[in-house]
Amino acid sequence: MKKRILLPLLLILGSVGMSYAQKKSSKLFNGKNLDGWTVYGTEKWYVKDGLLVCESGPDKGYGYLGTNESFKDFELSVDFKQQANGNSGIFIRSSIEGTKITGWQAEVAPPGHDTGGIYESYGRGWLIKPDPEKDKYLKMGEWNTMKIKVVGPTVTTWLNGHEMITLTDEKIGAAEGSIALQIHDGGGIKVEWKNLTVKRL
């Protein structure tokens, strides 16, 4: 009788343990190199003092650093510091060919340029911008924390603990792809990143 009870109990506990493990946050950046990522374009992506750095190169074009893994539903957290200009972004459910990206960008930009909003590249453009008053949450030249939660068709972003936008969009809901960091064209851009973690949902 005890064996009959014990086996189902072990199976249940095992499945709970597996479910917990799947939902545990994992590091996207190891602080040492770009393992797990692919560089797209000629702009500079490198590691210095444990930080991931993106910097404009001589071509002053668009550049991307994309994960080799694909993600559907997840919660992402990343710290960023804009050292110069800072026009960048974090793409979700994206695919990249050369320097052409298909996907949705959570904006990372200088003050007054809608950090935390969602922009669709090579598509509909801006889908949603934060209320202008929320721009005060961005600390230019200091460390900021961006969180992005994507579940089905719904995306929510937070900047330094403050909700910036919530958007529900069927096109986003149908997609799956890599997470990618962007460096905008035009030159003169430098952004540092750390503590990149993701939790699959």
C-alpha atoms as a PDB file:
ATOM      1  CA  MET A   1       0.000   0.000   0.000  1.00  0.00           C
ATOM      2  CA  LYS A   2       2.816   2.377   0.925  1.00  0.00           C
ATOM      3  CA  LYS A   3       4.587   1.751  -2.390  1.00  0.00           C
ATOM      4  CA  ARG A   4       1.408   2.573  -4.309  1.00  0.00           C
ATOM      5  CA  ILE A   5       1.134   5.912  -2.545  1.00  0.00           C
ATOM      6  CA  LEU A   6       4.850   6.711  -2.641  1.00  0.00           C
ATOM      7  CA  LEU A   7       5.347   6.357  -6.409  1.00  0.00           C
ATOM      8  CA  PRO A   8       2.630   8.864  -7.472  1.00  0.00           C
ATOM      9  CA  LEU A   9       3.868  11.237  -4.770  1.00  0.00           C
ATOM     10  CA  LEU A  10       7.427  11.085  -6.119  1.00  0.00           C
ATOM     11  CA  LEU A  11       6.161  11.698  -9.637  1.00  0.00           C
ATOM     12  CA  ILE A  12       4.212  14.751  -8.488  1.00  0.00           C
ATOM     13  CA  LEU A  13       7.167  16.156  -6.562  1.00  0.00           C
ATOM     14  CA  GLY A  14       9.437  15.534  -9.537  1.00  0.00           C
ATOM     15  CA  SER A  15       7.126  17.380 -11.911  1.00  0.00           C
ATOM     16  CA  VAL A  16       6.864  20.302  -9.473  1.00  0.00           C
ATOM     17  CA  GLY A  17      10.644  20.417  -9.268  1.00  0.00           C
ATOM     18  CA  MET A  18      10.984  20.430 -13.056  1.00  0.00           C
ATOM     19  CA  SER A  19       8.368  23.178 -13.357  1.00  0.00           C
ATOM     20  CA  TYR A  20      10.246  25.285 -10.814  1.00  0.00           C
ATOM     21  CA  ALA A  21      13.541  24.762 -12.621  1.00  0.00           C
ATOM     22  CA  GLN A  22      12.027  25.821 -15.928  1.00  0.00           C
ATOM     23  CA  LYS A  23      10.783  29.056 -14.403  1.00  0.00           C
ATOM     24  CA  LYS A  24      14.028  29.954 -12.685  1.00  0.00           C
ATOM     25  CA  SER A  25      15.866  33.015 -14.027  1.00  0.00           C
ATOM     26  CA  SER A  26      18.998  32.354 -16.045  1.00  0.00           C
ATOM     27  CA  LYS A  27      21.824  34.638 -17.110  1.00  0.00           C
ATOM     28  CA  LEU A  28      21.959  35.722 -20.745  1.00  0.00           C
ATOM     29  CA  PHE A  29      25.384  37.338 -20.313  1.00  0.00           C
ATOM     30  CA  ASN A  30      28.167  35.587 -18.425  1.00  0.00           C
ATOM     31  CA  GLY A  31      30.273  38.703 -17.781  1.00  0.00           C
ATOM     32  CA  LYS A  32      33.274  37.229 -19.603  1.00  0.00           C
ATOM     33  CA  ASN A  33      32.512  36.907 -23.329  1.00  0.00           C
ATOM     34  CA  LEU A  34      29.734  36.837 -25.917  1.00  0.00           C
ATOM     35  CA  ASP A  35      29.011  33.112 -25.711  1.00  0.00           C
ATOM     36  CA  GLY A  36      25.377  32.461 -26.600  1.00  0.00           C
ATOM     37  CA  TRP A  37      25.121  35.600 -28.717  1.00  0.00           C
ATOM     38  CA  THR A  38      25.677  36.518 -32.384  1.00  0.00           C
ATOM     39  CA  VAL A  39      26.918  39.917 -33.593  1.00  0.00           C
ATOM     40  CA  TYR A  40      25.131  41.428 -36.595  1.00  0.00           C
ATOM     41  CA  GLY A  41      26.727  44.343 -38.444  1.00  0.00           C
ATOM     42  CA  THR A  42      30.059  46.099 -37.993  1.00  0.00           C
ATOM     43  CA  GLU A  43      29.389  48.082 -34.829  1.00  0.00           C
ATOM     44  CA  LYS A  44      31.368  47.207 -31.705  1.00  0.00           C
ATOM     45  CA  TRP A  45      30.201  44.700 -29.103  1.00  0.00           C
ATOM     46  CA  TYR A  46      32.719  43.710 -26.441  1.00  0.00           C
ATOM     47  CA  VAL A  47      33.196  42.861 -22.766  1.00  0.00           C
ATOM     48  CA  LYS A  48      35.145  45.159 -20.447  1.00  0.00           C
ATOM     49  CA  ASP A  49      35.416  44.878 -16.653  1.00  0.00           C
ATOM     50  CA  GLY A  50      32.521  42.417 -16.581  1.00  0.00           C
ATOM     51  CA  LEU A  51      30.239  44.737 -18.554  1.00  0.00           C
ATOM     52  CA  LEU A  52      28.770  44.247 -22.019  1.00  0.00           C
ATOM     53  CA  VAL A  53      29.509  47.331 -24.117  1.00  0.00           C
ATOM     54  CA  CYS A  54      28.036  48.464 -27.427  1.00  0.00           C
ATOM     55  CA  GLU A  55      29.747  51.290 -29.259  1.00  0.00           C
ATOM     56  CA  SER A  56      29.475  52.900 -32.672  1.00  0.00           C
ATOM     57  CA  GLY A  57      32.069  51.707 -35.159  1.00  0.00           C
ATOM     58  CA  PRO A  58      33.565  53.470 -38.189  1.00  0.00           C
ATOM     59  CA  ASP A  59      30.574  52.551 -40.390  1.00  0.00           C
ATOM     60  CA  LYS A  60      28.155  54.296 -38.002  1.00  0.00           C
ATOM     61  CA  GLY A  61      25.420  51.868 -38.996  1.00  0.00           C
ATOM     62  CA  TYR A  62      22.822  49.773 -37.219  1.00  0.00           C
ATOM     63  CA  GLY A  63      24.157  46.887 -35.171  1.00  0.00           C
ATOM     64  CA  TYR A  64      22.585  44.059 -33.196  1.00  0.00           C
ATOM     65  CA  LEU A  65      23.616  41.453 -30.662  1.00  0.00           C
ATOM     66  CA  GLY A  66      21.115  38.606 -30.701  1.00  0.00           C
ATOM     67  CA  THR A  67      20.686  35.523 -28.547  1.00  0.00           C
ATOM     68  CA  ASN A  68      21.230  32.185 -30.261  1.00  0.00           C
ATOM     69  CA  GLU A  69      18.166  30.861 -28.431  1.00  0.00           C
ATOM     70  CA  SER A  70      14.580  31.739 -29.273  1.00  0.00           C
ATOM     71  CA  PHE A  71      12.107  32.944 -26.663  1.00  0.00           C
ATOM     72  CA  LYS A  72       8.307  33.137 -26.637  1.00  0.00           C
ATOM     73  CA  ASP A  73       6.892  33.994 -23.204  1.00  0.00           C
ATOM     74  CA  PHE A  74       9.431  35.393 -20.760  1.00  0.00           C
ATOM     75  CA  GLU A  75      10.397  38.037 -18.245  1.00  0.00           C
ATOM     76  CA  LEU A  76      13.642  39.895 -18.950  1.00  0.00           C
ATOM     77  CA  SER A  77      15.622  42.160 -16.656  1.00  0.00           C
ATOM     78  CA  VAL A  78      18.680  44.190 -17.672  1.00  0.00           C
ATOM     79  CA  ASP A  79      20.668  47.131 -16.318  1.00  0.00           C
ATOM     80  CA  PHE A  80      21.943  49.737 -18.770  1.00  0.00           C
ATOM     81  CA  LYS A  81      24.001  52.916 -18.602  1.00  0.00           C
ATOM     82  CA  GLN A  82      24.052  55.412 -21.474  1.00  0.00           C
ATOM     83  CA  GLN A  83      27.580  56.737 -21.703  1.00  0.00           C
ATOM     84  CA  ALA A  84      27.140  58.737 -24.920  1.00  0.00           C
ATOM     85  CA  ASN A  85      23.919  59.501 -26.797  1.00  0.00           C
ATOM     86  CA  GLY A  86      22.472  56.145 -25.733  1.00  0.00           C
ATOM     87  CA  ASN A  87      20.098  55.484 -28.620  1.00  0.00           C
ATOM     88  CA  SER A  88      19.637  51.741 -28.328  1.00  0.00           C
ATOM     89  CA  GLY A  89      16.949  49.200 -27.550  1.00  0.00           C
ATOM     90  CA  ILE A  90      15.975  45.669 -26.572  1.00  0.00           C
ATOM     91  CA  PHE A  91      14.228  43.551 -29.211  1.00  0.00           C
ATOM     92  CA  ILE A  92      11.814  40.738 -28.419  1.00  0.00           C
ATOM     93  CA  ARG A  93      10.700  37.788 -30.572  1.00  0.00           C
ATOM     94  CA  SER A  94      12.978  38.984 -33.339  1.00  0.00           C
ATOM     95  CA  SER A  95      14.728  37.550 -36.387  1.00  0.00           C
ATOM     96  CA  ILE A  96      17.766  39.180 -37.994  1.00  0.00           C
ATOM     97  CA  GLU A  97      19.312  39.000 -41.458  1.00  0.00           C
ATOM     98  CA  GLY A  98      22.422  41.131 -41.865  1.00  0.00           C
ATOM     99  CA  THR A  99      21.355  44.332 -40.146  1.00  0.00           C
ATOM    100  CA  LYS A 100      17.652  44.048 -41.006  1.00  0.00           C
ATOM    101  CA  ILE A 101      15.625  43.009 -38.006  1.00  0.00           C
ATOM    102  CA  THR A 102      12.030  41.867 -37.766  1.00  0.00           C
ATOM    103  CA  GLY A 103      10.575  42.287 -34.312  1.00  0.00           C
ATOM    104  CA  TRP A 104       9.615  44.718 -31.569  1.00  0.00           C
ATOM    105  CA  GLN A 105      11.906  47.054 -29.724  1.00  0.00           C
ATOM    106  CA  ALA A 106      11.566  48.269 -26.175  1.00  0.00           C
ATOM    107  CA  GLU A 107      13.174  51.656 -26.658  1.00  0.00           C
ATOM    108  CA  VAL A 108      16.333  52.709 -24.812  1.00  0.00           C
ATOM    109  CA  ALA A 109      17.058  56.314 -25.693  1.00  0.00           C
ATOM    110  CA  PRO A 110      18.165  59.710 -24.333  1.00  0.00           C
ATOM    111  CA  PRO A 111      15.675  61.827 -22.356  1.00  0.00           C
ATOM    112  CA  GLY A 112      12.642  62.906 -24.338  1.00  0.00           C
ATOM    113  CA  HIS A 113      12.805  59.975 -26.759  1.00  0.00           C
ATOM    114  CA  ASP A 114      10.304  57.482 -25.308  1.00  0.00           C
ATOM    115  CA  THR A 115      12.400  54.965 -23.371  1.00  0.00           C
ATOM    116  CA  GLY A 116      10.183  51.984 -22.562  1.00  0.00           C
ATOM    117  CA  GLY A 117       7.925  52.421 -25.597  1.00  0.00           C
ATOM    118  CA  ILE A 118       7.443  49.699 -28.233  1.00  0.00           C
ATOM    119  CA  TYR A 119       8.557  50.215 -31.835  1.00  0.00           C
ATOM    120  CA  GLU A 120       8.046  47.741 -34.689  1.00  0.00           C
ATOM    121  CA  SER A 121      11.019  47.791 -37.060  1.00  0.00           C
ATOM    122  CA  TYR A 122      10.357  47.518 -40.799  1.00  0.00           C
ATOM    123  CA  GLY A 123       6.641  47.493 -40.045  1.00  0.00           C
ATOM    124  CA  ARG A 124       4.133  49.742 -38.324  1.00  0.00           C
ATOM    125  CA  GLY A 125       6.645  51.927 -36.486  1.00  0.00           C
ATOM    126  CA  TRP A 126       5.637  53.168 -33.056  1.00  0.00           C
ATOM    127  CA  LEU A 127       2.914  51.024 -31.496  1.00  0.00           C
ATOM    128  CA  ILE A 128       2.869  52.735 -28.112  1.00  0.00           C
ATOM    129  CA  LYS A 129       4.842  55.443 -26.317  1.00  0.00           C
ATOM    130  CA  PRO A 130       4.953  56.076 -22.566  1.00  0.00           C
ATOM    131  CA  ASP A 131       3.215  59.135 -21.176  1.00  0.00           C
ATOM    132  CA  PRO A 132       5.714  62.026 -21.474  1.00  0.00           C
ATOM    133  CA  GLU A 133       5.660  62.549 -17.689  1.00  0.00           C
ATOM    134  CA  LYS A 134       7.205  59.093 -17.216  1.00  0.00           C
ATOM    135  CA  ASP A 135      10.402  60.255 -18.904  1.00  0.00           C
ATOM    136  CA  LYS A 136      11.526  61.500 -15.483  1.00  0.00           C
ATOM    137  CA  TYR A 137      12.224  57.890 -14.461  1.00  0.00           C
ATOM    138  CA  LEU A 138      15.185  57.679 -16.870  1.00  0.00           C
ATOM    139  CA  LYS A 139      18.562  58.469 -15.278  1.00  0.00           C
ATOM    140  CA  MET A 140      20.833  59.489 -18.138  1.00  0.00           C
ATOM    141  CA  GLY A 141      24.471  58.578 -17.505  1.00  0.00           C
ATOM    142  CA  GLU A 142      23.558  56.379 -14.524  1.00  0.00           C
ATOM    143  CA  TRP A 143      22.511  52.753 -14.172  1.00  0.00           C
ATOM    144  CA  ASN A 144      18.895  52.036 -15.032  1.00  0.00           C
ATOM    145  CA  THR A 145      16.931  48.778 -14.818  1.00  0.00           C
ATOM    146  CA  MET A 146      14.593  47.785 -17.642  1.00  0.00           C
ATOM    147  CA  LYS A 147      12.154  44.913 -17.198  1.00  0.00           C
ATOM    148  CA  ILE A 148      10.125  43.433 -20.030  1.00  0.00           C
ATOM    149  CA  LYS A 149       7.384  40.844 -19.621  1.00  0.00           C
ATOM    150  CA  VAL A 150       5.962  39.139 -22.705  1.00  0.00           C
ATOM    151  CA  VAL A 151       3.054  36.694 -22.367  1.00  0.00           C
ATOM    152  CA  GLY A 152       1.076  35.791 -25.465  1.00  0.00           C
ATOM    153  CA  PRO A 153       0.085  39.041 -27.187  1.00  0.00           C
ATOM    154  CA  THR A 154       0.760  41.268 -24.162  1.00  0.00           C
ATOM    155  CA  VAL A 155       3.970  43.211 -23.482  1.00  0.00           C
ATOM    156  CA  THR A 156       4.664  45.280 -20.369  1.00  0.00           C
ATOM    157  CA  THR A 157       7.791  47.330 -19.710  1.00  0.00           C
ATOM    158  CA  TRP A 158       9.104  48.852 -16.491  1.00  0.00           C
ATOM    159  CA  LEU A 159      11.896  51.375 -16.006  1.00  0.00           C
ATOM    160  CA  ASN A 160      13.476  51.555 -12.567  1.00  0.00           C
ATOM    161  CA  GLY A 161      10.404  49.918 -11.049  1.00  0.00           C
ATOM    162  CA  HIS A 162       7.835  52.114 -12.806  1.00  0.00           C
ATOM    163  CA  GLU A 163       5.468  50.651 -15.391  1.00  0.00           C
ATOM    164  CA  MET A 164       6.011  52.441 -18.699  1.00  0.00           C
ATOM    165  CA  ILE A 165       3.545  50.738 -21.073  1.00  0.00           C
ATOM    166  CA  THR A 166       1.272  47.734 -21.483  1.00  0.00           C
ATOM    167  CA  LEU A 167       0.385  46.701 -25.021  1.00  0.00           C
ATOM    168  CA  THR A 168      -1.715  43.846 -26.383  1.00  0.00           C
ATOM    169  CA  ASP A 169      -1.105  43.093 -30.065  1.00  0.00           C
ATOM    170  CA  GLU A 170      -2.054  40.002 -32.082  1.00  0.00           C
ATOM    171  CA  LYS A 171       0.985  40.234 -34.373  1.00  0.00           C
ATOM    172  CA  ILE A 172       3.339  40.165 -31.396  1.00  0.00           C
ATOM    173  CA  GLY A 173       1.362  37.260 -29.958  1.00  0.00           C
ATOM    174  CA  ALA A 174       1.957  35.133 -33.061  1.00  0.00           C
ATOM    175  CA  ALA A 175       5.746  35.607 -33.066  1.00  0.00           C
ATOM    176  CA  GLU A 176       8.715  33.888 -31.464  1.00  0.00           C
ATOM    177  CA  GLY A 177      12.400  34.679 -31.814  1.00  0.00           C
ATOM    178  CA  SER A 178      15.598  35.921 -30.271  1.00  0.00           C
ATOM    179  CA  ILE A 179      16.204  38.672 -27.764  1.00  0.00           C
ATOM    180  CA  ALA A 180      18.483  41.304 -29.280  1.00  0.00           C
ATOM    181  CA  LEU A 181      20.228  44.474 -28.179  1.00  0.00           C
ATOM    182  CA  GLN A 182      20.467  47.310 -30.704  1.00  0.00           C
ATOM    183  CA  ILE A 183      22.886  50.100 -31.444  1.00  0.00           C
ATOM    184  CA  HIS A 184      21.311  52.841 -33.552  1.00  0.00           C
ATOM    185  CA  ASP A 185      22.927  54.257 -36.654  1.00  0.00           C
ATOM    186  CA  GLY A 186      24.468  57.734 -36.808  1.00  0.00           C
ATOM    187  CA  GLY A 187      27.582  57.184 -34.699  1.00  0.00           C
ATOM    188  CA  GLY A 188      28.612  58.580 -31.326  1.00  0.00           C
ATOM    189  CA  ILE A 189      26.708  55.964 -29.311  1.00  0.00           C
ATOM    190  CA  LYS A 190      27.972  54.016 -26.321  1.00  0.00           C
ATOM    191  CA  VAL A 191      25.882  51.971 -23.883  1.00  0.00           C
ATOM    192  CA  GLU A 192      26.952  49.587 -21.121  1.00  0.00           C
ATOM    193  CA  TRP A 193      24.862  46.597 -20.026  1.00  0.00           C
ATOM    194  CA  LYS A 194      24.933  44.175 -17.083  1.00  0.00           C
ATOM    195  CA  ASN A 195      22.748  41.735 -15.148  1.00  0.00           C
ATOM    196  CA  LEU A 196      20.940  40.389 -18.215  1.00  0.00           C
ATOM    197  CA  THR A 197      18.611  37.682 -16.894  1.00  0.00           C
ATOM    198  CA  VAL A 198      15.598  35.944 -18.416  1.00  0.00           C
ATOM    199  CA  LYS A 199      12.896  33.702 -16.976  1.00  0.00           C
ATOM    200  CA  ARG A 200      10.773  31.629 -19.320  1.00  0.00           C
ATOM    201  CA  LEU A 201       7.091  31.761 -18.450  1.00  0.00           C
END
